[in-house]
Amino acid sequence: MITPEQIRAARALLGWSQQNLAQQCQISTTSINNIERGEVQPRTSTLETIKTQFLAQGIIFSGSYGVDIQKNVFNVQVWEGHESIARYLDDVVNTVKGTNEIPLHFNFDDRLWVKQGHTDAYHTFFENMIRYGIRERVLVCEGNTVRYAPYKTSEYRWFSQELSGQIGYSLYGNKYAIFVLGKANRVIIIESPMIVEVYKQQFQSMWNIAQTPPKVVPLFNTYKKS
């Protein structure tokens, strides 16, 4: 995780003020100030948000103090609105179909997809997964027994509840996607082999120690599209 020293250094490399960073991350300038001065212990999700914004600008972190910037900033796309979720799901399928790649998803909660009204898009996603023979791995929070995905496409495992506050993400192709489900749906797609490789290693470490949830009937089997 990034440190206050790295946050200050990354801002300096980009020429950003604390206000600039706060606006990019959609948190208060006071919070950024307190984090940089070590006055508070920020949530892991807050640090992940800050780190993601820096990575999108080409910042490279190493160790507890190392900060650098690469010359060629990678491609970043931001999709917003209700249709952004369907667009993201289509992008996963279109990116990996015809390959042997396994998309990886961390901190998914199928209850939110249904609650936020994305069930039709989610159902279509799995129909396409079946059509193209795509398999995926999904890490969900320990104790969550709600499963939408059919077993022929998806393997679920439980990660520790201690990590439940971390932001959800997907890895597919050279893409690292983070998303927020809510009143203002937002998906951020960062194309960077370097970032994907780092998060793949993190995902694999968690996957290796994660538990297999009990078998349940997938919602995919019973849902009727509207």
C-alpha atoms as a PDB file:
ATOM      1  CA  MET A   1       0.000   0.000   0.000  1.00  0.00           C
ATOM      2  CA  ILE A   2       1.226   3.516  -0.714  1.00  0.00           C
ATOM      3  CA  THR A   3       2.603   5.695   2.073  1.00  0.00           C
ATOM      4  CA  PRO A   4       2.108   9.404   2.897  1.00  0.00           C
ATOM      5  CA  GLU A   5       5.628  10.057   1.608  1.00  0.00           C
ATOM      6  CA  GLN A   6       4.779   8.464  -1.743  1.00  0.00           C
ATOM      7  CA  ILE A   7       1.554  10.454  -2.026  1.00  0.00           C
ATOM      8  CA  ARG A   8       3.415  13.727  -1.506  1.00  0.00           C
ATOM      9  CA  ALA A   9       6.133  12.720  -3.974  1.00  0.00           C
ATOM     10  CA  ALA A  10       3.640  11.576  -6.610  1.00  0.00           C
ATOM     11  CA  ARG A  11       1.796  14.880  -6.365  1.00  0.00           C
ATOM     12  CA  ALA A  12       5.067  16.722  -6.819  1.00  0.00           C
ATOM     13  CA  LEU A  13       5.922  14.741  -9.969  1.00  0.00           C
ATOM     14  CA  LEU A  14       2.540  15.578 -11.469  1.00  0.00           C
ATOM     15  CA  GLY A  15       2.512  19.168 -10.249  1.00  0.00           C
ATOM     16  CA  TRP A  16      -0.743  18.531  -8.401  1.00  0.00           C
ATOM     17  CA  SER A  17      -1.898  20.410  -5.329  1.00  0.00           C
ATOM     18  CA  GLN A  18      -3.736  18.620  -2.530  1.00  0.00           C
ATOM     19  CA  GLN A  19      -6.908  20.122  -3.959  1.00  0.00           C
ATOM     20  CA  ASN A  20      -6.167  18.626  -7.400  1.00  0.00           C
ATOM     21  CA  LEU A  21      -5.723  15.167  -5.892  1.00  0.00           C
ATOM     22  CA  ALA A  22      -8.847  15.548  -3.769  1.00  0.00           C
ATOM     23  CA  GLN A  23     -10.901  16.422  -6.834  1.00  0.00           C
ATOM     24  CA  GLN A  24      -9.554  13.453  -8.793  1.00  0.00           C
ATOM     25  CA  CYS A  25     -10.372  11.067  -5.935  1.00  0.00           C
ATOM     26  CA  GLN A  26     -13.659  12.750  -4.969  1.00  0.00           C
ATOM     27  CA  ILE A  27     -12.634  13.114  -1.325  1.00  0.00           C
ATOM     28  CA  SER A  28     -12.031  16.241   0.739  1.00  0.00           C
ATOM     29  CA  THR A  29      -8.838  18.289   0.646  1.00  0.00           C
ATOM     30  CA  THR A  30      -8.776  18.047   4.443  1.00  0.00           C
ATOM     31  CA  SER A  31      -8.660  14.257   4.201  1.00  0.00           C
ATOM     32  CA  ILE A  32      -5.730  14.389   1.776  1.00  0.00           C
ATOM     33  CA  ASN A  33      -3.922  16.804   4.081  1.00  0.00           C
ATOM     34  CA  ASN A  34      -4.467  14.581   7.127  1.00  0.00           C
ATOM     35  CA  ILE A  35      -3.325  11.468   5.246  1.00  0.00           C
ATOM     36  CA  GLU A  36      -0.140  13.130   4.002  1.00  0.00           C
ATOM     37  CA  ARG A  37       0.711  14.387   7.496  1.00  0.00           C
ATOM     38  CA  GLY A  38       0.084  10.955   9.006  1.00  0.00           C
ATOM     39  CA  GLU A  39      -2.642  12.301  11.248  1.00  0.00           C
ATOM     40  CA  VAL A  40      -5.127   9.577  10.349  1.00  0.00           C
ATOM     41  CA  GLN A  41      -5.110   5.914   9.387  1.00  0.00           C
ATOM     42  CA  PRO A  42      -7.061   5.956   6.106  1.00  0.00           C
ATOM     43  CA  ARG A  43      -9.203   3.098   4.924  1.00  0.00           C
ATOM     44  CA  THR A  44      -7.598   0.666   2.525  1.00  0.00           C
ATOM     45  CA  SER A  45     -10.248   1.587  -0.059  1.00  0.00           C
ATOM     46  CA  THR A  46      -9.264   5.273   0.201  1.00  0.00           C
ATOM     47  CA  LEU A  47      -5.592   4.479  -0.416  1.00  0.00           C
ATOM     48  CA  GLU A  48      -6.570   2.235  -3.334  1.00  0.00           C
ATOM     49  CA  THR A  49      -8.535   5.108  -4.871  1.00  0.00           C
ATOM     50  CA  ILE A  50      -5.601   7.495  -4.487  1.00  0.00           C
ATOM     51  CA  LYS A  51      -3.176   4.934  -5.877  1.00  0.00           C
ATOM     52  CA  THR A  52      -5.401   4.220  -8.872  1.00  0.00           C
ATOM     53  CA  GLN A  53      -5.578   7.903  -9.774  1.00  0.00           C
ATOM     54  CA  PHE A  54      -1.784   8.151  -9.667  1.00  0.00           C
ATOM     55  CA  LEU A  55      -1.328   4.965 -11.699  1.00  0.00           C
ATOM     56  CA  ALA A  56      -3.649   6.387 -14.346  1.00  0.00           C
ATOM     57  CA  GLN A  57      -1.230   9.303 -14.713  1.00  0.00           C
ATOM     58  CA  GLY A  58       1.799   7.060 -15.193  1.00  0.00           C
ATOM     59  CA  ILE A  59       3.104   7.095 -11.617  1.00  0.00           C
ATOM     60  CA  ILE A  60       5.103   4.011 -10.611  1.00  0.00           C
ATOM     61  CA  PHE A  61       5.487   2.992  -6.944  1.00  0.00           C
ATOM     62  CA  SER A  62       8.151   0.758  -5.412  1.00  0.00           C
ATOM     63  CA  GLY A  63       8.782  -0.166  -1.788  1.00  0.00           C
ATOM     64  CA  SER A  64       7.706   2.321   0.881  1.00  0.00           C
ATOM     65  CA  TYR A  65       9.293   5.426  -0.601  1.00  0.00           C
ATOM     66  CA  GLY A  66      10.002   4.834  -4.306  1.00  0.00           C
ATOM     67  CA  VAL A  67       8.081   6.969  -6.797  1.00  0.00           C
ATOM     68  CA  ASP A  68       8.717   7.498 -10.510  1.00  0.00           C
ATOM     69  CA  ILE A  69       6.769   8.420 -13.631  1.00  0.00           C
ATOM     70  CA  GLN A  70       6.806   6.645 -16.956  1.00  0.00           C
ATOM     71  CA  LYS A  71       6.979   8.714 -20.133  1.00  0.00           C
ATOM     72  CA  ASN A  72       4.219   6.975 -22.021  1.00  0.00           C
ATOM     73  CA  VAL A  73       1.023   7.223 -19.987  1.00  0.00           C
ATOM     74  CA  PHE A  74      -1.330   4.331 -20.651  1.00  0.00           C
ATOM     75  CA  ASN A  75      -4.874   4.603 -21.951  1.00  0.00           C
ATOM     76  CA  VAL A  76      -7.631   5.373 -19.442  1.00  0.00           C
ATOM     77  CA  GLN A  77     -11.362   5.335 -20.112  1.00  0.00           C
ATOM     78  CA  VAL A  78     -14.122   6.409 -17.727  1.00  0.00           C
ATOM     79  CA  TRP A  79     -17.660   5.185 -18.352  1.00  0.00           C
ATOM     80  CA  GLU A  80     -20.537   6.648 -16.364  1.00  0.00           C
ATOM     81  CA  GLY A  81     -24.262   6.105 -16.091  1.00  0.00           C
ATOM     82  CA  HIS A  82     -26.501   3.066 -15.893  1.00  0.00           C
ATOM     83  CA  GLU A  83     -25.348   1.671 -19.253  1.00  0.00           C
ATOM     84  CA  SER A  84     -21.687   1.763 -18.185  1.00  0.00           C
ATOM     85  CA  ILE A  85     -22.099  -1.576 -16.419  1.00  0.00           C
ATOM     86  CA  ALA A  86     -23.450  -3.354 -19.509  1.00  0.00           C
ATOM     87  CA  ARG A  87     -20.663  -1.754 -21.541  1.00  0.00           C
ATOM     88  CA  TYR A  88     -18.066  -3.060 -19.078  1.00  0.00           C
ATOM     89  CA  LEU A  89     -19.509  -6.578 -19.120  1.00  0.00           C
ATOM     90  CA  ASP A  90     -19.516  -6.618 -22.939  1.00  0.00           C
ATOM     91  CA  ASP A  91     -15.922  -5.387 -22.907  1.00  0.00           C
ATOM     92  CA  VAL A  92     -14.845  -8.325 -20.742  1.00  0.00           C
ATOM     93  CA  VAL A  93     -16.340 -10.822 -23.191  1.00  0.00           C
ATOM     94  CA  ASN A  94     -15.085  -9.065 -26.324  1.00  0.00           C
ATOM     95  CA  THR A  95     -11.564  -8.755 -24.901  1.00  0.00           C
ATOM     96  CA  VAL A  96     -11.055 -12.400 -23.938  1.00  0.00           C
ATOM     97  CA  LYS A  97     -13.228 -14.381 -26.364  1.00  0.00           C
ATOM     98  CA  GLY A  98     -11.149 -16.557 -28.653  1.00  0.00           C
ATOM     99  CA  THR A  99      -8.317 -16.691 -26.112  1.00  0.00           C
ATOM    100  CA  ASN A 100      -7.537 -18.986 -23.210  1.00  0.00           C
ATOM    101  CA  GLU A 101      -7.472 -16.112 -20.738  1.00  0.00           C
ATOM    102  CA  ILE A 102      -9.401 -16.331 -17.464  1.00  0.00           C
ATOM    103  CA  PRO A 103     -10.869 -13.004 -16.292  1.00  0.00           C
ATOM    104  CA  LEU A 104     -10.281 -12.351 -12.590  1.00  0.00           C
ATOM    105  CA  HIS A 105     -12.714 -10.424 -10.386  1.00  0.00           C
ATOM    106  CA  PHE A 106     -12.167  -9.262  -6.810  1.00  0.00           C
ATOM    107  CA  ASN A 107     -14.818  -8.166  -4.296  1.00  0.00           C
ATOM    108  CA  PHE A 108     -17.859  -8.879  -6.459  1.00  0.00           C
ATOM    109  CA  ASP A 109     -21.240  -8.979  -4.739  1.00  0.00           C
ATOM    110  CA  ASP A 110     -24.003 -10.374  -6.917  1.00  0.00           C
ATOM    111  CA  ARG A 111     -26.612  -8.896  -4.567  1.00  0.00           C
ATOM    112  CA  LEU A 112     -25.586  -5.404  -5.696  1.00  0.00           C
ATOM    113  CA  TRP A 113     -25.840  -6.241  -9.395  1.00  0.00           C
ATOM    114  CA  VAL A 114     -29.442  -7.335  -8.857  1.00  0.00           C
ATOM    115  CA  LYS A 115     -30.327  -4.520  -6.439  1.00  0.00           C
ATOM    116  CA  GLN A 116     -28.995  -1.825  -8.788  1.00  0.00           C
ATOM    117  CA  GLY A 117     -31.025  -3.131 -11.731  1.00  0.00           C
ATOM    118  CA  HIS A 118     -28.251  -4.694 -13.801  1.00  0.00           C
ATOM    119  CA  THR A 119     -29.649  -8.213 -13.843  1.00  0.00           C
ATOM    120  CA  ASP A 120     -30.503  -8.300 -17.554  1.00  0.00           C
ATOM    121  CA  ALA A 121     -26.978  -7.171 -18.497  1.00  0.00           C
ATOM    122  CA  TYR A 122     -25.478  -9.625 -16.010  1.00  0.00           C
ATOM    123  CA  HIS A 123     -27.584 -12.479 -17.388  1.00  0.00           C
ATOM    124  CA  THR A 124     -26.569 -11.632 -20.964  1.00  0.00           C
ATOM    125  CA  PHE A 125     -22.950 -11.574 -19.821  1.00  0.00           C
ATOM    126  CA  PHE A 126     -23.137 -15.185 -18.650  1.00  0.00           C
ATOM    127  CA  GLU A 127     -25.006 -16.282 -21.754  1.00  0.00           C
ATOM    128  CA  ASN A 128     -22.098 -14.900 -23.774  1.00  0.00           C
ATOM    129  CA  MET A 129     -19.585 -16.541 -21.435  1.00  0.00           C
ATOM    130  CA  ILE A 130     -21.248 -19.886 -22.131  1.00  0.00           C
ATOM    131  CA  ARG A 131     -21.432 -19.174 -25.875  1.00  0.00           C
ATOM    132  CA  TYR A 132     -17.713 -18.463 -26.133  1.00  0.00           C
ATOM    133  CA  GLY A 133     -16.537 -21.026 -23.576  1.00  0.00           C
ATOM    134  CA  ILE A 134     -15.081 -18.403 -21.236  1.00  0.00           C
ATOM    135  CA  ARG A 135     -14.208 -19.296 -17.647  1.00  0.00           C
ATOM    136  CA  GLU A 136     -13.649 -16.787 -14.849  1.00  0.00           C
ATOM    137  CA  ARG A 137     -12.498 -16.671 -11.221  1.00  0.00           C
ATOM    138  CA  VAL A 138     -14.334 -14.564  -8.678  1.00  0.00           C
ATOM    139  CA  LEU A 139     -13.337 -13.625  -5.126  1.00  0.00           C
ATOM    140  CA  VAL A 140     -16.323 -12.725  -2.951  1.00  0.00           C
ATOM    141  CA  CYS A 141     -16.432 -11.786   0.710  1.00  0.00           C
ATOM    142  CA  GLU A 142     -16.502 -14.626   3.224  1.00  0.00           C
ATOM    143  CA  GLY A 143     -20.055 -15.535   4.244  1.00  0.00           C
ATOM    144  CA  ASN A 144     -21.691 -14.292   1.032  1.00  0.00           C
ATOM    145  CA  THR A 145     -23.774 -17.197  -0.281  1.00  0.00           C
ATOM    146  CA  VAL A 146     -25.605 -15.329  -3.055  1.00  0.00           C
ATOM    147  CA  ARG A 147     -24.380 -16.547  -6.418  1.00  0.00           C
ATOM    148  CA  TYR A 148     -25.652 -15.497  -9.836  1.00  0.00           C
ATOM    149  CA  ALA A 149     -23.107 -17.140 -12.117  1.00  0.00           C
ATOM    150  CA  PRO A 150     -23.611 -20.684 -13.458  1.00  0.00           C
ATOM    151  CA  TYR A 151     -21.015 -23.216 -12.364  1.00  0.00           C
ATOM    152  CA  LYS A 152     -19.976 -23.943 -15.949  1.00  0.00           C
ATOM    153  CA  THR A 153     -18.545 -20.416 -16.325  1.00  0.00           C
ATOM    154  CA  SER A 154     -17.434 -19.302 -12.891  1.00  0.00           C
ATOM    155  CA  GLU A 155     -15.462 -20.463  -9.891  1.00  0.00           C
ATOM    156  CA  TYR A 156     -16.141 -18.534  -6.687  1.00  0.00           C
ATOM    157  CA  ARG A 157     -13.976 -18.421  -3.573  1.00  0.00           C
ATOM    158  CA  TRP A 158     -14.296 -16.540  -0.294  1.00  0.00           C
ATOM    159  CA  PHE A 159     -11.721 -13.983   0.830  1.00  0.00           C
ATOM    160  CA  SER A 160     -11.383 -12.763   4.412  1.00  0.00           C
ATOM    161  CA  GLN A 161     -13.907 -10.213   5.688  1.00  0.00           C
ATOM    162  CA  GLU A 162     -10.934  -8.088   6.779  1.00  0.00           C
ATOM    163  CA  LEU A 163     -10.475  -7.138   3.109  1.00  0.00           C
ATOM    164  CA  SER A 164     -14.130  -6.348   2.430  1.00  0.00           C
ATOM    165  CA  GLY A 165     -13.505  -2.582   2.433  1.00  0.00           C
ATOM    166  CA  GLN A 166     -11.220  -2.739  -0.595  1.00  0.00           C
ATOM    167  CA  ILE A 167     -12.524  -1.505  -3.900  1.00  0.00           C
ATOM    168  CA  GLY A 168     -13.666  -4.135  -6.395  1.00  0.00           C
ATOM    169  CA  TYR A 169     -11.741  -4.687  -9.599  1.00  0.00           C
ATOM    170  CA  SER A 170     -11.501  -6.886 -12.679  1.00  0.00           C
ATOM    171  CA  LEU A 171      -8.479  -8.053 -14.659  1.00  0.00           C
ATOM    172  CA  TYR A 172      -8.871  -9.099 -18.291  1.00  0.00           C
ATOM    173  CA  GLY A 173      -6.527  -8.748 -21.228  1.00  0.00           C
ATOM    174  CA  ASN A 174      -4.276  -5.774 -20.472  1.00  0.00           C
ATOM    175  CA  LYS A 175      -7.113  -4.064 -18.634  1.00  0.00           C
ATOM    176  CA  TYR A 176      -7.577  -3.226 -14.966  1.00  0.00           C
ATOM    177  CA  ALA A 177     -11.156  -2.139 -14.283  1.00  0.00           C
ATOM    178  CA  ILE A 178     -12.564  -0.649 -11.115  1.00  0.00           C
ATOM    179  CA  PHE A 179     -16.243   0.090 -10.708  1.00  0.00           C
ATOM    180  CA  VAL A 180     -18.700   1.672  -8.324  1.00  0.00           C
ATOM    181  CA  LEU A 181     -22.327   0.563  -8.262  1.00  0.00           C
ATOM    182  CA  GLY A 182     -24.785   3.135  -6.949  1.00  0.00           C
ATOM    183  CA  LYS A 183     -26.712   6.239  -7.911  1.00  0.00           C
ATOM    184  CA  ALA A 184     -23.890   7.290 -10.227  1.00  0.00           C
ATOM    185  CA  ASN A 185     -22.447   4.133 -11.767  1.00  0.00           C
ATOM    186  CA  ARG A 186     -18.854   4.554 -12.832  1.00  0.00           C
ATOM    187  CA  VAL A 187     -16.353   2.204 -14.447  1.00  0.00           C
ATOM    188  CA  ILE A 188     -12.691   3.153 -14.898  1.00  0.00           C
ATOM    189  CA  ILE A 189     -10.722   1.073 -17.402  1.00  0.00           C
ATOM    190  CA  ILE A 190      -6.931   1.341 -17.312  1.00  0.00           C
ATOM    191  CA  GLU A 191      -4.969  -0.440 -20.047  1.00  0.00           C
ATOM    192  CA  SER A 192      -1.562  -1.326 -18.643  1.00  0.00           C
ATOM    193  CA  PRO A 193       0.207  -4.707 -18.702  1.00  0.00           C
ATOM    194  CA  MET A 194       2.316  -3.544 -15.734  1.00  0.00           C
ATOM    195  CA  ILE A 195      -0.683  -2.779 -13.517  1.00  0.00           C
ATOM    196  CA  VAL A 196      -2.477  -5.963 -14.569  1.00  0.00           C
ATOM    197  CA  GLU A 197       0.561  -8.078 -13.705  1.00  0.00           C
ATOM    198  CA  VAL A 198       0.855  -6.520 -10.236  1.00  0.00           C
ATOM    199  CA  TYR A 199      -2.804  -7.113  -9.443  1.00  0.00           C
ATOM    200  CA  LYS A 200      -2.746 -10.620 -10.920  1.00  0.00           C
ATOM    201  CA  GLN A 201      -0.040 -11.538  -8.424  1.00  0.00           C
ATOM    202  CA  GLN A 202      -2.077 -10.021  -5.609  1.00  0.00           C
ATOM    203  CA  PHE A 203      -5.199 -11.853  -6.769  1.00  0.00           C
ATOM    204  CA  GLN A 204      -3.396 -15.184  -7.059  1.00  0.00           C
ATOM    205  CA  SER A 205      -2.007 -14.869  -3.528  1.00  0.00           C
ATOM    206  CA  MET A 206      -5.527 -14.360  -2.159  1.00  0.00           C
ATOM    207  CA  TRP A 207      -6.969 -17.086  -4.387  1.00  0.00           C
ATOM    208  CA  ASN A 208      -4.489 -19.657  -3.106  1.00  0.00           C
ATOM    209  CA  ILE A 209      -5.671 -19.252   0.507  1.00  0.00           C
ATOM    210  CA  ALA A 210      -9.343 -18.509  -0.196  1.00  0.00           C
ATOM    211  CA  GLN A 211     -12.084 -20.934   0.831  1.00  0.00           C
ATOM    212  CA  THR A 212     -14.585 -22.642  -1.440  1.00  0.00           C
ATOM    213  CA  PRO A 213     -18.140 -21.481  -0.622  1.00  0.00           C
ATOM    214  CA  PRO A 214     -20.941 -24.007  -0.092  1.00  0.00           C
ATOM    215  CA  LYS A 215     -22.846 -24.972  -3.222  1.00  0.00           C
ATOM    216  CA  VAL A 216     -26.049 -23.050  -3.894  1.00  0.00           C
ATOM    217  CA  VAL A 217     -28.484 -22.788  -6.799  1.00  0.00           C
ATOM    218  CA  PRO A 218     -27.260 -19.982  -9.092  1.00  0.00           C
ATOM    219  CA  LEU A 219     -29.753 -17.176  -9.718  1.00  0.00           C
ATOM    220  CA  PHE A 220     -28.868 -17.570 -13.403  1.00  0.00           C
ATOM    221  CA  ASN A 221     -30.834 -20.837 -13.409  1.00  0.00           C
ATOM    222  CA  THR A 222     -34.091 -19.240 -12.243  1.00  0.00           C
ATOM    223  CA  TYR A 223     -34.066 -15.685 -13.625  1.00  0.00           C
ATOM    224  CA  LYS A 224     -36.313 -14.728 -16.523  1.00  0.00           C
ATOM    225  CA  LYS A 225     -35.136 -11.759 -18.573  1.00  0.00           C
ATOM    226  CA  SER A 226     -37.575  -8.851 -18.793  1.00  0.00           C
END
